[in-house]
Amino acid sequence: MIRFILLQNRQGKTRLAKYYVPLEDSEKHKVEYEVHRLVVNRDSKFTNFVEFRTHKVIYRRYAGLFFSLCVDITDNELAYLECIHLFVEILDHFFSNVCELDLVFNFHKVYLILDEFILAGELQETSKKAHRENGGAGEARVKMILHERAIVLCQISQLMLLFGVIITCSPVLHSQFFLVLFEN
């Protein structure tokens, strides 16, 4: 099982973090710091697998970004190394030559792609062909899913208003939410 996935640049800025086990915020920051220190200082002639606490960190460097997965000690390292490569290929296909700024400014799309790729800490599909046939990372599919999420958010907020509950809107879905609100 995947414990967490981190995308960090060489300076240690975390560009994407997805945790599949519950951790406190202070523990998350500590883990991000420790993983970054572990993979950045590691010589390139060593393997991309490192023991980390009671788990393993599998990482791969693409340009200035480190893609790191923390998995159980008994899991297959090569399968997860291929998983990282497939995730990068999917991102590259979606963003047409992906770079760090794509991840920063389109983080909600990256999380959506990641959620379709990894669910609850388990890989869903390892075939690049299947991802392309199912429309796994197409721009139209991402827009459709974000639109559907905004509709659900709109319906939930209308129910909450009906019952007098104060609502706060996620900044990620904020623009989509108001777009749907005015369409309806």
C-alpha atoms as a PDB file:
ATOM      1  CA  MET A   1       0.000   0.000   0.000  1.00  0.00           C
ATOM      2  CA  ILE A   2       1.154   3.505  -0.780  1.00  0.00           C
ATOM      3  CA  ARG A   3       1.470   5.612   2.368  1.00  0.00           C
ATOM      4  CA  PHE A   4       2.033   8.934   0.606  1.00  0.00           C
ATOM      5  CA  ILE A   5       3.261  10.479  -2.615  1.00  0.00           C
ATOM      6  CA  LEU A   6       5.394  13.632  -2.682  1.00  0.00           C
ATOM      7  CA  LEU A   7       6.565  15.820  -5.552  1.00  0.00           C
ATOM      8  CA  GLN A   8       9.355  18.096  -4.374  1.00  0.00           C
ATOM      9  CA  ASN A   9      11.815  20.336  -6.137  1.00  0.00           C
ATOM     10  CA  ARG A  10      15.553  20.427  -5.411  1.00  0.00           C
ATOM     11  CA  GLN A  11      15.134  23.256  -2.892  1.00  0.00           C
ATOM     12  CA  GLY A  12      12.689  21.200  -0.815  1.00  0.00           C
ATOM     13  CA  LYS A  13       9.446  22.937  -1.794  1.00  0.00           C
ATOM     14  CA  THR A  14       6.669  20.385  -1.857  1.00  0.00           C
ATOM     15  CA  ARG A  15       4.686  20.832  -5.059  1.00  0.00           C
ATOM     16  CA  LEU A  16       2.235  17.988  -4.463  1.00  0.00           C
ATOM     17  CA  ALA A  17       1.557  15.873  -1.405  1.00  0.00           C
ATOM     18  CA  LYS A  18      -1.075  13.186  -1.111  1.00  0.00           C
ATOM     19  CA  TYR A  19      -1.329  11.118   2.061  1.00  0.00           C
ATOM     20  CA  TYR A  20      -3.237   7.846   2.179  1.00  0.00           C
ATOM     21  CA  VAL A  21      -2.737   7.371   5.922  1.00  0.00           C
ATOM     22  CA  PRO A  22      -3.813   9.877   8.568  1.00  0.00           C
ATOM     23  CA  LEU A  23      -1.014  12.113   9.854  1.00  0.00           C
ATOM     24  CA  GLU A  24      -1.007  15.327  11.847  1.00  0.00           C
ATOM     25  CA  ASP A  25       0.110  18.479  10.007  1.00  0.00           C
ATOM     26  CA  SER A  26       3.295  18.723  12.064  1.00  0.00           C
ATOM     27  CA  GLU A  27       4.097  15.097  11.255  1.00  0.00           C
ATOM     28  CA  LYS A  28       3.463  15.732   7.545  1.00  0.00           C
ATOM     29  CA  HIS A  29       5.943  18.620   7.506  1.00  0.00           C
ATOM     30  CA  LYS A  30       8.479  16.511   9.372  1.00  0.00           C
ATOM     31  CA  VAL A  31       8.035  13.615   6.903  1.00  0.00           C
ATOM     32  CA  GLU A  32       8.360  15.957   3.903  1.00  0.00           C
ATOM     33  CA  TYR A  33      11.578  17.419   5.318  1.00  0.00           C
ATOM     34  CA  GLU A  34      13.049  13.989   6.120  1.00  0.00           C
ATOM     35  CA  VAL A  35      12.163  12.491   2.735  1.00  0.00           C
ATOM     36  CA  HIS A  36      13.612  15.486   0.900  1.00  0.00           C
ATOM     37  CA  ARG A  37      16.819  15.332   2.900  1.00  0.00           C
ATOM     38  CA  LEU A  38      17.009  11.580   2.251  1.00  0.00           C
ATOM     39  CA  VAL A  39      16.579  11.650  -1.538  1.00  0.00           C
ATOM     40  CA  VAL A  40      18.425  14.886  -2.399  1.00  0.00           C
ATOM     41  CA  ASN A  41      21.634  13.943  -0.624  1.00  0.00           C
ATOM     42  CA  ARG A  42      21.670  10.436  -2.088  1.00  0.00           C
ATOM     43  CA  ASP A  43      24.292   9.727  -4.740  1.00  0.00           C
ATOM     44  CA  SER A  44      22.942   8.909  -8.194  1.00  0.00           C
ATOM     45  CA  LYS A  45      24.934   5.673  -8.405  1.00  0.00           C
ATOM     46  CA  PHE A  46      22.793   4.144  -5.622  1.00  0.00           C
ATOM     47  CA  THR A  47      19.378   2.579  -6.155  1.00  0.00           C
ATOM     48  CA  ASN A  48      16.152   4.592  -6.021  1.00  0.00           C
ATOM     49  CA  PHE A  49      14.893   2.615  -3.015  1.00  0.00           C
ATOM     50  CA  VAL A  50      15.574   3.790   0.538  1.00  0.00           C
ATOM     51  CA  GLU A  51      14.378   2.448   3.856  1.00  0.00           C
ATOM     52  CA  PHE A  52      12.446   5.100   5.735  1.00  0.00           C
ATOM     53  CA  ARG A  53      11.324   4.370   9.293  1.00  0.00           C
ATOM     54  CA  THR A  54       9.357   1.111   8.932  1.00  0.00           C
ATOM     55  CA  HIS A  55       8.601   1.621   5.230  1.00  0.00           C
ATOM     56  CA  LYS A  56      10.394   2.158   1.923  1.00  0.00           C
ATOM     57  CA  VAL A  57      10.685   5.321  -0.133  1.00  0.00           C
ATOM     58  CA  ILE A  58      10.879   4.809  -3.869  1.00  0.00           C
ATOM     59  CA  TYR A  59      11.861   7.950  -5.725  1.00  0.00           C
ATOM     60  CA  ARG A  60      12.796   9.132  -9.167  1.00  0.00           C
ATOM     61  CA  ARG A  61      14.178  12.454 -10.321  1.00  0.00           C
ATOM     62  CA  TYR A  62      12.828  14.149 -13.436  1.00  0.00           C
ATOM     63  CA  ALA A  63      14.564  17.439 -14.253  1.00  0.00           C
ATOM     64  CA  GLY A  64      14.316  19.434 -11.022  1.00  0.00           C
ATOM     65  CA  LEU A  65      11.528  17.406  -9.403  1.00  0.00           C
ATOM     66  CA  PHE A  66      11.709  14.382  -7.132  1.00  0.00           C
ATOM     67  CA  PHE A  67       8.718  12.021  -7.307  1.00  0.00           C
ATOM     68  CA  SER A  68       8.690  10.015  -4.062  1.00  0.00           C
ATOM     69  CA  LEU A  69       6.391   7.204  -2.953  1.00  0.00           C
ATOM     70  CA  CYS A  70       6.394   5.713   0.518  1.00  0.00           C
ATOM     71  CA  VAL A  71       5.206   2.097   0.475  1.00  0.00           C
ATOM     72  CA  ASP A  72       5.111  -0.938   2.738  1.00  0.00           C
ATOM     73  CA  ILE A  73       8.407  -2.744   3.221  1.00  0.00           C
ATOM     74  CA  THR A  74       7.116  -5.884   1.465  1.00  0.00           C
ATOM     75  CA  ASP A  75       5.844  -4.173  -1.697  1.00  0.00           C
ATOM     76  CA  ASN A  76       7.522  -4.554  -5.096  1.00  0.00           C
ATOM     77  CA  GLU A  77       9.920  -1.667  -5.654  1.00  0.00           C
ATOM     78  CA  LEU A  78      10.158  -2.015  -9.416  1.00  0.00           C
ATOM     79  CA  ALA A  79       6.391  -1.911  -9.833  1.00  0.00           C
ATOM     80  CA  TYR A  80       6.250   1.391  -7.977  1.00  0.00           C
ATOM     81  CA  LEU A  81       9.228   2.763  -9.885  1.00  0.00           C
ATOM     82  CA  GLU A  82       7.295   2.021 -13.092  1.00  0.00           C
ATOM     83  CA  CYS A  83       4.230   3.610 -11.457  1.00  0.00           C
ATOM     84  CA  ILE A  84       6.164   6.850 -10.992  1.00  0.00           C
ATOM     85  CA  HIS A  85       7.320   6.766 -14.599  1.00  0.00           C
ATOM     86  CA  LEU A  86       3.776   6.110 -15.858  1.00  0.00           C
ATOM     87  CA  PHE A  87       2.437   8.995 -13.753  1.00  0.00           C
ATOM     88  CA  VAL A  88       5.041  11.316 -15.288  1.00  0.00           C
ATOM     89  CA  GLU A  89       4.137  10.097 -18.780  1.00  0.00           C
ATOM     90  CA  ILE A  90       0.442  10.738 -18.098  1.00  0.00           C
ATOM     91  CA  LEU A  91       1.236  14.244 -16.835  1.00  0.00           C
ATOM     92  CA  ASP A  92       3.468  14.838 -19.843  1.00  0.00           C
ATOM     93  CA  HIS A  93       0.692  13.710 -22.191  1.00  0.00           C
ATOM     94  CA  PHE A  94      -1.896  15.878 -20.433  1.00  0.00           C
ATOM     95  CA  PHE A  95       0.185  19.064 -20.169  1.00  0.00           C
ATOM     96  CA  SER A  96       2.185  18.587 -23.402  1.00  0.00           C
ATOM     97  CA  ASN A  97       5.709  18.593 -21.995  1.00  0.00           C
ATOM     98  CA  VAL A  98       4.984  19.072 -18.292  1.00  0.00           C
ATOM     99  CA  CYS A  99       7.093  21.363 -16.123  1.00  0.00           C
ATOM    100  CA  GLU A 100       7.073  22.401 -12.475  1.00  0.00           C
ATOM    101  CA  LEU A 101       4.937  25.484 -13.174  1.00  0.00           C
ATOM    102  CA  ASP A 102       2.211  23.282 -14.691  1.00  0.00           C
ATOM    103  CA  LEU A 103       2.021  21.431 -11.395  1.00  0.00           C
ATOM    104  CA  VAL A 104       1.925  24.654  -9.383  1.00  0.00           C
ATOM    105  CA  PHE A 105      -0.737  26.490 -11.386  1.00  0.00           C
ATOM    106  CA  ASN A 106      -2.876  23.458 -12.245  1.00  0.00           C
ATOM    107  CA  PHE A 107      -2.592  21.563  -8.978  1.00  0.00           C
ATOM    108  CA  HIS A 108      -6.310  20.705  -8.947  1.00  0.00           C
ATOM    109  CA  LYS A 109      -5.933  18.968 -12.317  1.00  0.00           C
ATOM    110  CA  VAL A 110      -2.856  17.103 -11.100  1.00  0.00           C
ATOM    111  CA  TYR A 111      -4.741  15.903  -8.015  1.00  0.00           C
ATOM    112  CA  LEU A 112      -7.602  14.785 -10.240  1.00  0.00           C
ATOM    113  CA  ILE A 113      -5.237  12.811 -12.471  1.00  0.00           C
ATOM    114  CA  LEU A 114      -3.576  11.314  -9.397  1.00  0.00           C
ATOM    115  CA  ASP A 115      -6.955  10.326  -7.944  1.00  0.00           C
ATOM    116  CA  GLU A 116      -7.804   8.446 -11.122  1.00  0.00           C
ATOM    117  CA  PHE A 117      -4.398   6.759 -11.085  1.00  0.00           C
ATOM    118  CA  ILE A 118      -4.104   5.865  -7.383  1.00  0.00           C
ATOM    119  CA  LEU A 119      -7.147   5.225  -5.205  1.00  0.00           C
ATOM    120  CA  ALA A 120      -6.905   4.781  -1.422  1.00  0.00           C
ATOM    121  CA  GLY A 121      -3.208   3.986  -1.649  1.00  0.00           C
ATOM    122  CA  GLU A 122      -3.556   1.301  -4.320  1.00  0.00           C
ATOM    123  CA  LEU A 123      -2.739   1.499  -8.023  1.00  0.00           C
ATOM    124  CA  GLN A 124      -5.837   1.370 -10.203  1.00  0.00           C
ATOM    125  CA  GLU A 125      -4.454   0.970 -13.699  1.00  0.00           C
ATOM    126  CA  THR A 126      -0.879   0.390 -14.788  1.00  0.00           C
ATOM    127  CA  SER A 127      -1.433   0.442 -18.542  1.00  0.00           C
ATOM    128  CA  LYS A 128      -0.724   3.666 -20.417  1.00  0.00           C
ATOM    129  CA  LYS A 129      -2.852   2.383 -23.276  1.00  0.00           C
ATOM    130  CA  ALA A 130      -5.837   1.886 -20.954  1.00  0.00           C
ATOM    131  CA  HIS A 131      -5.459   5.418 -19.598  1.00  0.00           C
ATOM    132  CA  ARG A 132      -5.541   6.864 -23.098  1.00  0.00           C
ATOM    133  CA  GLU A 133      -8.456   4.665 -24.245  1.00  0.00           C
ATOM    134  CA  ASN A 134     -10.541   5.558 -21.198  1.00  0.00           C
ATOM    135  CA  GLY A 135      -9.755   9.230 -21.618  1.00  0.00           C
ATOM    136  CA  GLY A 136      -7.901   9.043 -18.322  1.00  0.00           C
ATOM    137  CA  ALA A 137      -6.172  12.394 -18.547  1.00  0.00           C
ATOM    138  CA  GLY A 138      -7.903  14.305 -21.326  1.00  0.00           C
ATOM    139  CA  GLU A 139      -8.596  18.015 -20.910  1.00  0.00           C
ATOM    140  CA  ALA A 140     -12.285  17.537 -21.720  1.00  0.00           C
ATOM    141  CA  ARG A 141     -12.582  14.736 -19.138  1.00  0.00           C
ATOM    142  CA  VAL A 142     -10.912  16.848 -16.449  1.00  0.00           C
ATOM    143  CA  LYS A 143     -13.245  19.764 -17.171  1.00  0.00           C
ATOM    144  CA  MET A 144     -16.238  17.418 -17.074  1.00  0.00           C
ATOM    145  CA  ILE A 145     -15.227  15.944 -13.713  1.00  0.00           C
ATOM    146  CA  LEU A 146     -14.546  19.400 -12.225  1.00  0.00           C
ATOM    147  CA  HIS A 147     -17.927  20.546 -13.532  1.00  0.00           C
ATOM    148  CA  GLU A 148     -19.638  17.522 -11.948  1.00  0.00           C
ATOM    149  CA  ARG A 149     -17.885  18.196  -8.644  1.00  0.00           C
ATOM    150  CA  ALA A 150     -19.002  21.821  -8.789  1.00  0.00           C
ATOM    151  CA  ILE A 151     -22.614  20.737  -9.393  1.00  0.00           C
ATOM    152  CA  VAL A 152     -22.476  18.439  -6.372  1.00  0.00           C
ATOM    153  CA  LEU A 153     -20.928  21.231  -4.305  1.00  0.00           C
ATOM    154  CA  CYS A 154     -23.681  23.578  -5.455  1.00  0.00           C
ATOM    155  CA  GLN A 155     -26.387  21.088  -4.476  1.00  0.00           C
ATOM    156  CA  ILE A 156     -24.803  20.469  -1.087  1.00  0.00           C
ATOM    157  CA  SER A 157     -24.472  24.194  -0.417  1.00  0.00           C
ATOM    158  CA  GLN A 158     -28.126  24.775  -1.364  1.00  0.00           C
ATOM    159  CA  LEU A 159     -29.151  22.084   1.135  1.00  0.00           C
ATOM    160  CA  MET A 160     -26.898  23.608   3.772  1.00  0.00           C
ATOM    161  CA  LEU A 161     -28.421  27.041   3.160  1.00  0.00           C
ATOM    162  CA  LEU A 162     -31.852  25.491   3.449  1.00  0.00           C
ATOM    163  CA  PHE A 163     -30.951  24.198   6.905  1.00  0.00           C
ATOM    164  CA  GLY A 164     -29.163  27.415   7.912  1.00  0.00           C
ATOM    165  CA  VAL A 165     -25.600  26.084   7.905  1.00  0.00           C
ATOM    166  CA  ILE A 166     -22.782  28.520   7.111  1.00  0.00           C
ATOM    167  CA  ILE A 167     -20.779  27.459   4.035  1.00  0.00           C
ATOM    168  CA  THR A 168     -17.173  27.975   3.099  1.00  0.00           C
ATOM    169  CA  CYS A 169     -16.139  27.232  -0.462  1.00  0.00           C
ATOM    170  CA  SER A 170     -12.884  25.567  -1.473  1.00  0.00           C
ATOM    171  CA  PRO A 171     -10.671  27.927  -3.512  1.00  0.00           C
ATOM    172  CA  VAL A 172     -10.073  25.097  -5.998  1.00  0.00           C
ATOM    173  CA  LEU A 173     -13.745  24.776  -6.871  1.00  0.00           C
ATOM    174  CA  HIS A 174     -14.662  28.395  -6.211  1.00  0.00           C
ATOM    175  CA  SER A 175     -14.792  29.524  -9.848  1.00  0.00           C
ATOM    176  CA  GLN A 176     -16.432  26.274 -10.971  1.00  0.00           C
ATOM    177  CA  PHE A 177     -19.010  26.624  -8.185  1.00  0.00           C
ATOM    178  CA  PHE A 178     -20.139  30.075  -9.290  1.00  0.00           C
ATOM    179  CA  LEU A 179     -20.104  29.055 -12.949  1.00  0.00           C
ATOM    180  CA  VAL A 180     -22.585  26.257 -12.166  1.00  0.00           C
ATOM    181  CA  LEU A 181     -24.604  28.533  -9.883  1.00  0.00           C
ATOM    182  CA  PHE A 182     -25.193  31.008 -12.704  1.00  0.00           C
ATOM    183  CA  GLU A 183     -25.887  28.266 -15.265  1.00  0.00           C
ATOM    184  CA  ASN A 184     -28.675  26.865 -13.108  1.00  0.00           C
END
